[in-house]
PDB file of N, CA and C in Angstrom:
ATOM      1  N   MET A   1     148.076  48.166 138.806  1.00  0.00           N
ATOM      2  CA  MET A   1     148.674  47.289 138.404  1.00  0.00           C
ATOM      3  C   MET A   1     150.005  47.588 138.210  1.00  0.00           C
ATOM      4  N   GLY A   2     151.133  46.601 138.595  1.00  0.00           N
ATOM      5  CA  GLY A   2     152.424  46.983 138.414  1.00  0.00           C
ATOM      6  C   GLY A   2     152.848  46.524 136.829  1.00  0.00           C
ATOM      7  N   ARG A   3     153.852  46.979 136.658  1.00  0.00           N
ATOM      8  CA  ARG A   3     154.641  46.753 135.380  1.00  0.00           C
ATOM      9  C   ARG A   3     155.620  45.553 135.223  1.00  0.00           C
ATOM     10  N   LYS A   4     155.891  44.969 136.660  1.00  0.00           N
ATOM     11  CA  LYS A   4     156.616  44.071 136.619  1.00  0.00           C
ATOM     12  C   LYS A   4     156.135  42.760 136.804  1.00  0.00           C
ATOM     13  N   LEU A   5     156.412  41.842 136.136  1.00  0.00           N
ATOM     14  CA  LEU A   5     155.686  40.485 135.880  1.00  0.00           C
ATOM     15  C   LEU A   5     156.450  39.273 136.563  1.00  0.00           C
ATOM     16  N   TYR A   6     155.878  38.250 137.000  1.00  0.00           N
ATOM     17  CA  TYR A   6     156.793  37.196 137.425  1.00  0.00           C
ATOM     18  C   TYR A   6     156.357  36.187 136.167  1.00  0.00           C
ATOM     19  N   VAL A   7     157.240  35.457 135.910  1.00  0.00           N
ATOM     20  CA  VAL A   7     157.487  34.724 134.639  1.00  0.00           C
ATOM     21  C   VAL A   7     157.817  33.238 135.152  1.00  0.00           C
ATOM     22  N   GLY A   8     156.988  32.238 135.429  1.00  0.00           N
ATOM     23  CA  GLY A   8     157.359  30.848 136.059  1.00  0.00           C
ATOM     24  C   GLY A   8     157.212  29.692 135.093  1.00  0.00           C
ATOM     25  N   ASN A   9     157.587  28.826 135.568  1.00  0.00           N
ATOM     26  CA  ASN A   9     157.815  27.315 134.967  1.00  0.00           C
ATOM     27  C   ASN A   9     158.106  27.352 133.582  1.00  0.00           C
ATOM     28  N   LEU A  10     159.363  27.973 133.600  1.00  0.00           N
ATOM     29  CA  LEU A  10     160.409  28.219 132.346  1.00  0.00           C
ATOM     30  C   LEU A  10     161.115  27.041 132.125  1.00  0.00           C
ATOM     31  N   PRO A  11     161.348  26.794 131.151  1.00  0.00           N
ATOM     32  CA  PRO A  11     162.274  25.491 130.688  1.00  0.00           C
ATOM     33  C   PRO A  11     163.724  25.783 131.167  1.00  0.00           C
ATOM     34  N   TRP A  12     164.750  24.809 131.279  1.00  0.00           N
ATOM     35  CA  TRP A  12     165.955  25.186 131.721  1.00  0.00           C
ATOM     36  C   TRP A  12     166.604  25.911 130.722  1.00  0.00           C
ATOM     37  N   SER A  13     166.256  25.859 129.490  1.00  0.00           N
ATOM     38  CA  SER A  13     167.115  26.349 128.216  1.00  0.00           C
ATOM     39  C   SER A  13     166.387  27.708 127.987  1.00  0.00           C
ATOM     40  N   ALA A  14     165.663  28.239 128.749  1.00  0.00           N
ATOM     41  CA  ALA A  14     165.289  29.898 128.615  1.00  0.00           C
ATOM     42  C   ALA A  14     166.358  30.718 128.757  1.00  0.00           C
ATOM     43  N   THR A  15     166.617  31.816 128.274  1.00  0.00           N
ATOM     44  CA  THR A  15     167.621  32.990 128.375  1.00  0.00           C
ATOM     45  C   THR A  15     166.714  34.220 128.356  1.00  0.00           C
ATOM     46  N   GLU A  16     167.510  35.388 128.854  1.00  0.00           N
ATOM     47  CA  GLU A  16     167.099  36.494 129.011  1.00  0.00           C
ATOM     48  C   GLU A  16     166.709  36.984 127.414  1.00  0.00           C
ATOM     49  N   GLU A  17     167.624  36.575 126.595  1.00  0.00           N
ATOM     50  CA  GLU A  17     167.251  37.044 125.150  1.00  0.00           C
ATOM     51  C   GLU A  17     166.068  36.367 124.698  1.00  0.00           C
ATOM     52  N   THR A  18     165.945  35.247 125.032  1.00  0.00           N
ATOM     53  CA  THR A  18     164.538  34.532 124.363  1.00  0.00           C
ATOM     54  C   THR A  18     163.177  35.060 125.504  1.00  0.00           C
ATOM     55  N   LEU A  19     163.352  35.568 126.423  1.00  0.00           N
ATOM     56  CA  LEU A  19     162.431  36.031 127.394  1.00  0.00           C
ATOM     57  C   LEU A  19     162.040  37.611 126.603  1.00  0.00           C
ATOM     58  N   ARG A  20     163.160  38.215 126.326  1.00  0.00           N
ATOM     59  CA  ARG A  20     162.800  39.807 125.865  1.00  0.00           C
ATOM     60  C   ARG A  20     162.309  39.631 124.239  1.00  0.00           C
ATOM     61  N   GLU A  21     162.908  38.764 123.477  1.00  0.00           N
ATOM     62  CA  GLU A  21     161.953  38.216 122.291  1.00  0.00           C
ATOM     63  C   GLU A  21     160.619  37.912 122.395  1.00  0.00           C
ATOM     64  N   THR A  22     160.301  37.042 123.133  1.00  0.00           N
ATOM     65  CA  THR A  22     158.852  36.458 123.660  1.00  0.00           C
ATOM     66  C   THR A  22     157.835  37.844 123.955  1.00  0.00           C
ATOM     67  N   PHE A  23     158.487  38.307 125.161  1.00  0.00           N
ATOM     68  CA  PHE A  23     157.885  39.546 125.760  1.00  0.00           C
ATOM     69  C   PHE A  23     157.486  40.583 124.764  1.00  0.00           C
ATOM     70  N   SER A  24     158.352  41.032 123.751  1.00  0.00           N
ATOM     71  CA  SER A  24     158.441  42.011 123.081  1.00  0.00           C
ATOM     72  C   SER A  24     157.106  41.908 122.007  1.00  0.00           C
ATOM     73  N   GLN A  25     156.642  40.888 121.755  1.00  0.00           N
ATOM     74  CA  GLN A  25     155.381  40.594 121.002  1.00  0.00           C
ATOM     75  C   GLN A  25     154.126  41.573 121.704  1.00  0.00           C
ATOM     76  N   ALA A  26     154.212  41.771 123.173  1.00  0.00           N
ATOM     77  CA  ALA A  26     153.155  42.392 123.834  1.00  0.00           C
ATOM     78  C   ALA A  26     153.553  43.716 123.932  1.00  0.00           C
ATOM     79  N   GLY A  27     154.885  44.220 123.798  1.00  0.00           N
ATOM     80  CA  GLY A  27     154.858  45.671 124.134  1.00  0.00           C
ATOM     81  C   GLY A  27     156.407  45.711 124.463  1.00  0.00           C
ATOM     82  N   THR A  28     156.859  46.951 124.773  1.00  0.00           N
ATOM     83  CA  THR A  28     158.355  47.181 124.936  1.00  0.00           C
ATOM     84  C   THR A  28     158.735  46.699 126.546  1.00  0.00           C
ATOM     85  N   VAL A  29     159.689  45.886 126.393  1.00  0.00           N
ATOM     86  CA  VAL A  29     160.417  45.377 127.601  1.00  0.00           C
ATOM     87  C   VAL A  29     161.375  46.056 128.318  1.00  0.00           C
ATOM     88  N   ASP A  30     161.260  46.553 129.420  1.00  0.00           N
ATOM     89  CA  ASP A  30     162.281  47.431 129.811  1.00  0.00           C
ATOM     90  C   ASP A  30     163.503  46.568 130.408  1.00  0.00           C
ATOM     91  N   THR A  31     162.932  45.563 131.159  1.00  0.00           N
ATOM     92  CA  THR A  31     164.088  44.322 131.679  1.00  0.00           C
ATOM     93  C   THR A  31     163.636  43.249 131.424  1.00  0.00           C
ATOM     94  N   ALA A  32     164.641  42.041 131.327  1.00  0.00           N
ATOM     95  CA  ALA A  32     164.205  40.671 131.606  1.00  0.00           C
ATOM     96  C   ALA A  32     165.377  40.210 132.402  1.00  0.00           C
ATOM     97  N   LYS A  33     164.932  39.691 133.537  1.00  0.00           N
ATOM     98  CA  LYS A  33     166.062  38.980 134.617  1.00  0.00           C
ATOM     99  C   LYS A  33     165.686  37.644 134.741  1.00  0.00           C
ATOM    100  N   LEU A  34     166.228  36.702 134.093  1.00  0.00           N
ATOM    101  CA  LEU A  34     166.309  35.354 134.543  1.00  0.00           C
ATOM    102  C   LEU A  34     166.843  34.752 135.769  1.00  0.00           C
ATOM    103  N   ILE A  35     166.299  34.228 136.676  1.00  0.00           N
ATOM    104  CA  ILE A  35     166.963  33.908 137.933  1.00  0.00           C
ATOM    105  C   ILE A  35     167.752  32.789 137.748  1.00  0.00           C
ATOM    106  N   THR A  36     169.080  32.747 138.339  1.00  0.00           N
ATOM    107  CA  THR A  36     169.857  31.433 137.956  1.00  0.00           C
ATOM    108  C   THR A  36     170.642  30.985 139.424  1.00  0.00           C
ATOM    109  N   ASP A  37     170.944  29.867 139.620  1.00  0.00           N
ATOM    110  CA  ASP A  37     171.567  29.427 140.936  1.00  0.00           C
ATOM    111  C   ASP A  37     173.046  30.023 141.122  1.00  0.00           C
ATOM    112  N   ARG A  38     173.108  30.423 142.241  1.00  0.00           N
ATOM    113  CA  ARG A  38     174.414  31.153 142.475  1.00  0.00           C
ATOM    114  C   ARG A  38     175.411  30.264 142.098  1.00  0.00           C
ATOM    115  N   ASP A  39     175.397  28.638 142.475  1.00  0.00           N
ATOM    116  CA  ASP A  39     176.627  28.010 142.245  1.00  0.00           C
ATOM    117  C   ASP A  39     176.776  27.392 140.855  1.00  0.00           C
ATOM    118  N   SER A  40     175.940  26.650 140.256  1.00  0.00           N
ATOM    119  CA  SER A  40     175.934  26.287 139.145  1.00  0.00           C
ATOM    120  C   SER A  40     175.670  27.106 137.759  1.00  0.00           C
ATOM    121  N   GLY A  41     175.068  28.460 138.151  1.00  0.00           N
ATOM    122  CA  GLY A  41     174.625  29.284 137.001  1.00  0.00           C
ATOM    123  C   GLY A  41     173.343  28.900 135.941  1.00  0.00           C
ATOM    124  N   ARG A  42     172.788  27.711 136.529  1.00  0.00           N
ATOM    125  CA  ARG A  42     171.565  27.228 135.919  1.00  0.00           C
ATOM    126  C   ARG A  42     170.347  28.072 136.099  1.00  0.00           C
ATOM    127  N   SER A  43     169.441  28.175 135.101  1.00  0.00           N
ATOM    128  CA  SER A  43     168.203  28.710 135.306  1.00  0.00           C
ATOM    129  C   SER A  43     167.488  28.017 136.426  1.00  0.00           C
ATOM    130  N   LYS A  44     166.845  28.858 137.365  1.00  0.00           N
ATOM    131  CA  LYS A  44     165.964  28.182 138.467  1.00  0.00           C
ATOM    132  C   LYS A  44     164.386  28.039 137.961  1.00  0.00           C
ATOM    133  N   GLY A  45     164.191  28.315 136.605  1.00  0.00           N
ATOM    134  CA  GLY A  45     162.989  28.064 136.057  1.00  0.00           C
ATOM    135  C   GLY A  45     161.936  29.403 136.078  1.00  0.00           C
ATOM    136  N   PHE A  46     162.602  30.381 136.664  1.00  0.00           N
ATOM    137  CA  PHE A  46     161.462  31.554 136.877  1.00  0.00           C
ATOM    138  C   PHE A  46     162.299  32.828 136.531  1.00  0.00           C
ATOM    139  N   ALA A  47     161.745  34.057 136.119  1.00  0.00           N
ATOM    140  CA  ALA A  47     162.552  35.147 135.719  1.00  0.00           C
ATOM    141  C   ALA A  47     161.420  36.272 135.921  1.00  0.00           C
ATOM    142  N   PHE A  48     161.902  37.519 135.992  1.00  0.00           N
ATOM    143  CA  PHE A  48     160.892  38.810 136.330  1.00  0.00           C
ATOM    144  C   PHE A  48     161.151  39.617 134.989  1.00  0.00           C
ATOM    145  N   VAL A  49     159.973  40.040 134.208  1.00  0.00           N
ATOM    146  CA  VAL A  49     159.913  40.786 133.190  1.00  0.00           C
ATOM    147  C   VAL A  49     159.465  42.124 133.530  1.00  0.00           C
ATOM    148  N   GLU A  50     159.924  43.264 133.136  1.00  0.00           N
ATOM    149  CA  GLU A  50     159.344  44.642 133.439  1.00  0.00           C
ATOM    150  C   GLU A  50     158.709  45.166 131.906  1.00  0.00           C
ATOM    151  N   MET A  51     157.533  45.449 131.989  1.00  0.00           N
ATOM    152  CA  MET A  51     157.299  46.057 130.506  1.00  0.00           C
ATOM    153  C   MET A  51     156.997  47.651 130.676  1.00  0.00           C
ATOM    154  N   SER A  52     157.064  48.173 129.728  1.00  0.00           N
ATOM    155  CA  SER A  52     157.136  49.908 129.838  1.00  0.00           C
ATOM    156  C   SER A  52     155.831  50.248 130.185  1.00  0.00           C
ATOM    157  N   SER A  53     154.572  49.912 130.291  1.00  0.00           N
ATOM    158  CA  SER A  53     153.293  50.153 130.784  1.00  0.00           C
ATOM    159  C   SER A  53     152.330  49.271 131.145  1.00  0.00           C
ATOM    160  N   ASP A  54     151.599  49.315 132.206  1.00  0.00           N
ATOM    161  CA  ASP A  54     150.607  48.716 132.736  1.00  0.00           C
ATOM    162  C   ASP A  54     149.754  47.998 131.723  1.00  0.00           C
ATOM    163  N   ASP A  55     149.223  48.720 130.649  1.00  0.00           N
ATOM    164  CA  ASP A  55     148.716  47.898 129.564  1.00  0.00           C
ATOM    165  C   ASP A  55     149.359  47.175 128.924  1.00  0.00           C
ATOM    166  N   GLU A  56     150.676  47.066 128.663  1.00  0.00           N
ATOM    167  CA  GLU A  56     151.509  46.125 128.077  1.00  0.00           C
ATOM    168  C   GLU A  56     151.761  44.866 128.872  1.00  0.00           C
ATOM    169  N   ALA A  57     151.744  45.134 130.457  1.00  0.00           N
ATOM    170  CA  ALA A  57     151.984  44.196 131.053  1.00  0.00           C
ATOM    171  C   ALA A  57     150.451  43.215 131.330  1.00  0.00           C
ATOM    172  N   LEU A  58     149.431  44.054 131.068  1.00  0.00           N
ATOM    173  CA  LEU A  58     148.260  43.353 131.207  1.00  0.00           C
ATOM    174  C   LEU A  58     148.116  42.624 129.841  1.00  0.00           C
ATOM    175  N   GLU A  59     148.527  43.038 128.567  1.00  0.00           N
ATOM    176  CA  GLU A  59     148.483  42.181 127.422  1.00  0.00           C
ATOM    177  C   GLU A  59     149.476  41.164 127.198  1.00  0.00           C
ATOM    178  N   ALA A  60     150.670  41.375 128.159  1.00  0.00           N
ATOM    179  CA  ALA A  60     151.621  40.072 128.123  1.00  0.00           C
ATOM    180  C   ALA A  60     150.918  38.936 129.079  1.00  0.00           C
ATOM    181  N   ILE A  61     150.434  39.174 130.138  1.00  0.00           N
ATOM    182  CA  ILE A  61     149.571  38.376 130.974  1.00  0.00           C
ATOM    183  C   ILE A  61     148.549  37.566 130.259  1.00  0.00           C
ATOM    184  N   SER A  62     147.748  38.042 129.497  1.00  0.00           N
ATOM    185  CA  SER A  62     146.499  37.641 128.782  1.00  0.00           C
ATOM    186  C   SER A  62     147.127  36.847 127.743  1.00  0.00           C
ATOM    187  N   GLN A  63     148.138  37.269 126.780  1.00  0.00           N
ATOM    188  CA  GLN A  63     148.887  36.631 125.768  1.00  0.00           C
ATOM    189  C   GLN A  63     149.614  35.391 126.169  1.00  0.00           C
ATOM    190  N   PHE A  64     150.506  35.334 127.478  1.00  0.00           N
ATOM    191  CA  PHE A  64     151.327  34.272 127.568  1.00  0.00           C
ATOM    192  C   PHE A  64     151.174  33.278 128.793  1.00  0.00           C
ATOM    193  N   ASP A  65     150.304  33.853 129.645  1.00  0.00           N
ATOM    194  CA  ASP A  65     149.983  33.017 130.883  1.00  0.00           C
ATOM    195  C   ASP A  65     149.210  31.795 130.367  1.00  0.00           C
ATOM    196  N   GLY A  66     149.909  30.569 130.522  1.00  0.00           N
ATOM    197  CA  GLY A  66     149.417  29.167 130.288  1.00  0.00           C
ATOM    198  C   GLY A  66     150.120  28.883 128.832  1.00  0.00           C
ATOM    199  N   LEU A  67     150.680  29.598 128.067  1.00  0.00           N
ATOM    200  CA  LEU A  67     151.292  29.428 126.694  1.00  0.00           C
ATOM    201  C   LEU A  67     152.429  28.488 126.655  1.00  0.00           C
ATOM    202  N   ASP A  68     152.090  27.206 125.776  1.00  0.00           N
ATOM    203  CA  ASP A  68     153.170  26.225 125.954  1.00  0.00           C
ATOM    204  C   ASP A  68     154.510  27.086 125.849  1.00  0.00           C
ATOM    205  N   ASN A  69     155.545  26.472 126.468  1.00  0.00           N
ATOM    206  CA  ASN A  69     157.089  26.871 126.085  1.00  0.00           C
ATOM    207  C   ASN A  69     157.769  25.817 126.355  1.00  0.00           C
ATOM    208  N   ASP A  70     158.121  25.185 125.201  1.00  0.00           N
ATOM    209  CA  ASP A  70     159.240  24.233 125.187  1.00  0.00           C
ATOM    210  C   ASP A  70     158.401  22.905 126.092  1.00  0.00           C
ATOM    211  N   GLY A  71     157.264  22.857 125.893  1.00  0.00           N
ATOM    212  CA  GLY A  71     156.558  21.829 126.755  1.00  0.00           C
ATOM    213  C   GLY A  71     156.065  21.656 127.774  1.00  0.00           C
ATOM    214  N   ARG A  72     156.239  23.093 128.338  1.00  0.00           N
ATOM    215  CA  ARG A  72     155.800  23.620 129.823  1.00  0.00           C
ATOM    216  C   ARG A  72     154.760  24.788 129.544  1.00  0.00           C
ATOM    217  N   PRO A  73     153.838  24.672 130.362  1.00  0.00           N
ATOM    218  CA  PRO A  73     152.650  25.668 130.264  1.00  0.00           C
ATOM    219  C   PRO A  73     153.409  26.949 131.200  1.00  0.00           C
ATOM    220  N   MET A  74     153.808  28.372 130.729  1.00  0.00           N
ATOM    221  CA  MET A  74     154.240  29.500 131.081  1.00  0.00           C
ATOM    222  C   MET A  74     153.293  29.930 132.344  1.00  0.00           C
ATOM    223  N   ARG A  75     153.687  30.444 133.425  1.00  0.00           N
ATOM    224  CA  ARG A  75     152.841  31.183 134.431  1.00  0.00           C
ATOM    225  C   ARG A  75     153.443  32.556 134.301  1.00  0.00           C
ATOM    226  N   VAL A  76     152.548  33.414 134.025  1.00  0.00           N
ATOM    227  CA  VAL A  76     152.873  34.823 133.873  1.00  0.00           C
ATOM    228  C   VAL A  76     151.837  35.438 134.566  1.00  0.00           C
ATOM    229  N   ASN A  77     152.062  36.121 135.761  1.00  0.00           N
ATOM    230  CA  ASN A  77     151.354  37.227 136.706  1.00  0.00           C
ATOM    231  C   ASN A  77     151.974  38.258 137.279  1.00  0.00           C
ATOM    232  N   GLU A  78     151.274  39.247 137.978  1.00  0.00           N
ATOM    233  CA  GLU A  78     151.842  40.492 138.518  1.00  0.00           C
ATOM    234  C   GLU A  78     152.947  39.904 139.721  1.00  0.00           C
ATOM    235  N   ALA A  79     153.980  40.548 139.542  1.00  0.00           N
ATOM    236  CA  ALA A  79     155.103  40.344 140.567  1.00  0.00           C
ATOM    237  C   ALA A  79     154.381  40.727 141.846  1.00  0.00           C
ATOM    238  N   LYS A  80     154.833  40.235 143.169  1.00  0.00           N
ATOM    239  CA  LYS A  80     154.559  40.615 144.368  1.00  0.00           C
ATOM    240  C   LYS A  80     155.648  41.441 144.789  1.00  0.00           C
ATOM    241  N   PRO A  81     155.743  42.224 145.749  1.00  0.00           N
ATOM    242  CA  PRO A  81     156.913  42.672 146.308  1.00  0.00           C
ATOM    243  C   PRO A  81     157.356  41.604 147.122  1.00  0.00           C
ATOM    244  N   GLN A  82     159.004  41.568 147.343  1.00  0.00           N
ATOM    245  CA  GLN A  82     159.596  40.611 147.794  1.00  0.00           C
ATOM    246  C   GLN A  82     159.249  40.713 149.528  1.00  0.00           C
ATOM    247  N   GLU A  83     159.133  39.925 150.354  1.00  0.00           N
ATOM    248  CA  GLU A  83     158.922  39.892 151.692  1.00  0.00           C
ATOM    249  C   GLU A  83     160.496  39.956 152.295  1.00  0.00           C
ATOM    250  N   PRO A  84     160.611  40.578 153.665  1.00  0.00           N
ATOM    251  CA  PRO A  84     161.702  40.775 154.236  1.00  0.00           C
ATOM    252  C   PRO A  84     161.990  39.117 154.612  1.00  0.00           C
ATOM    253  N   ARG A  85     163.278  38.905 154.813  1.00  0.00           N
ATOM    254  CA  ARG A  85     163.722  37.388 154.941  1.00  0.00           C
ATOM    255  C   ARG A  85     164.181  37.273 156.375  1.00  0.00           C
ATOM    256  N   GLY A  86     164.362  38.502 156.884  1.00  0.00           N
ATOM    257  CA  GLY A  86     164.630  38.169 158.686  1.00  0.00           C
ATOM    258  C   GLY A  86     166.176  38.292 158.582  1.00  0.00           C
ATOM    259  N   ASP A  87     166.706  37.736 159.933  1.00  0.00           N
ATOM    260  CA  ASP A  87     168.290  37.779 160.106  1.00  0.00           C
ATOM    261  C   ASP A  87     168.768  36.499 159.316  1.00  0.00           C
ATOM    262  N   ARG A  88     169.687  36.747 158.974  1.00  0.00           N
ATOM    263  CA  ARG A  88     170.659  35.411 158.528  1.00  0.00           C
ATOM    264  C   ARG A  88     172.086  35.643 158.974  1.00  0.00           C
ATOM    265  N   TYR A  89     172.484  34.521 159.244  1.00  0.00           N
ATOM    266  CA  TYR A  89     173.925  34.440 159.820  1.00  0.00           C
ATOM    267  C   TYR A  89     174.844  33.556 159.031  1.00  0.00           C
TER     268      TYR A  89
END
């Protein structure tokens, strides 16, 4: 199991700070990266959180997957490696 987690279905009000605070309840957060729109700077509704150990990552999944976050059920699972995107012009 990897330590990097995908966190989806986040409210637009989510910040990297609130992610750190939330996930620190399950263990040590190494990184929290909220994905934002390049043009508007607004959250795209998902993020990646890296925990310091596999056990902490499992704890975060069990603790936060499906948890109500500002009226939205948060989705937390192991992040999958990014697939190659091919040629872009």
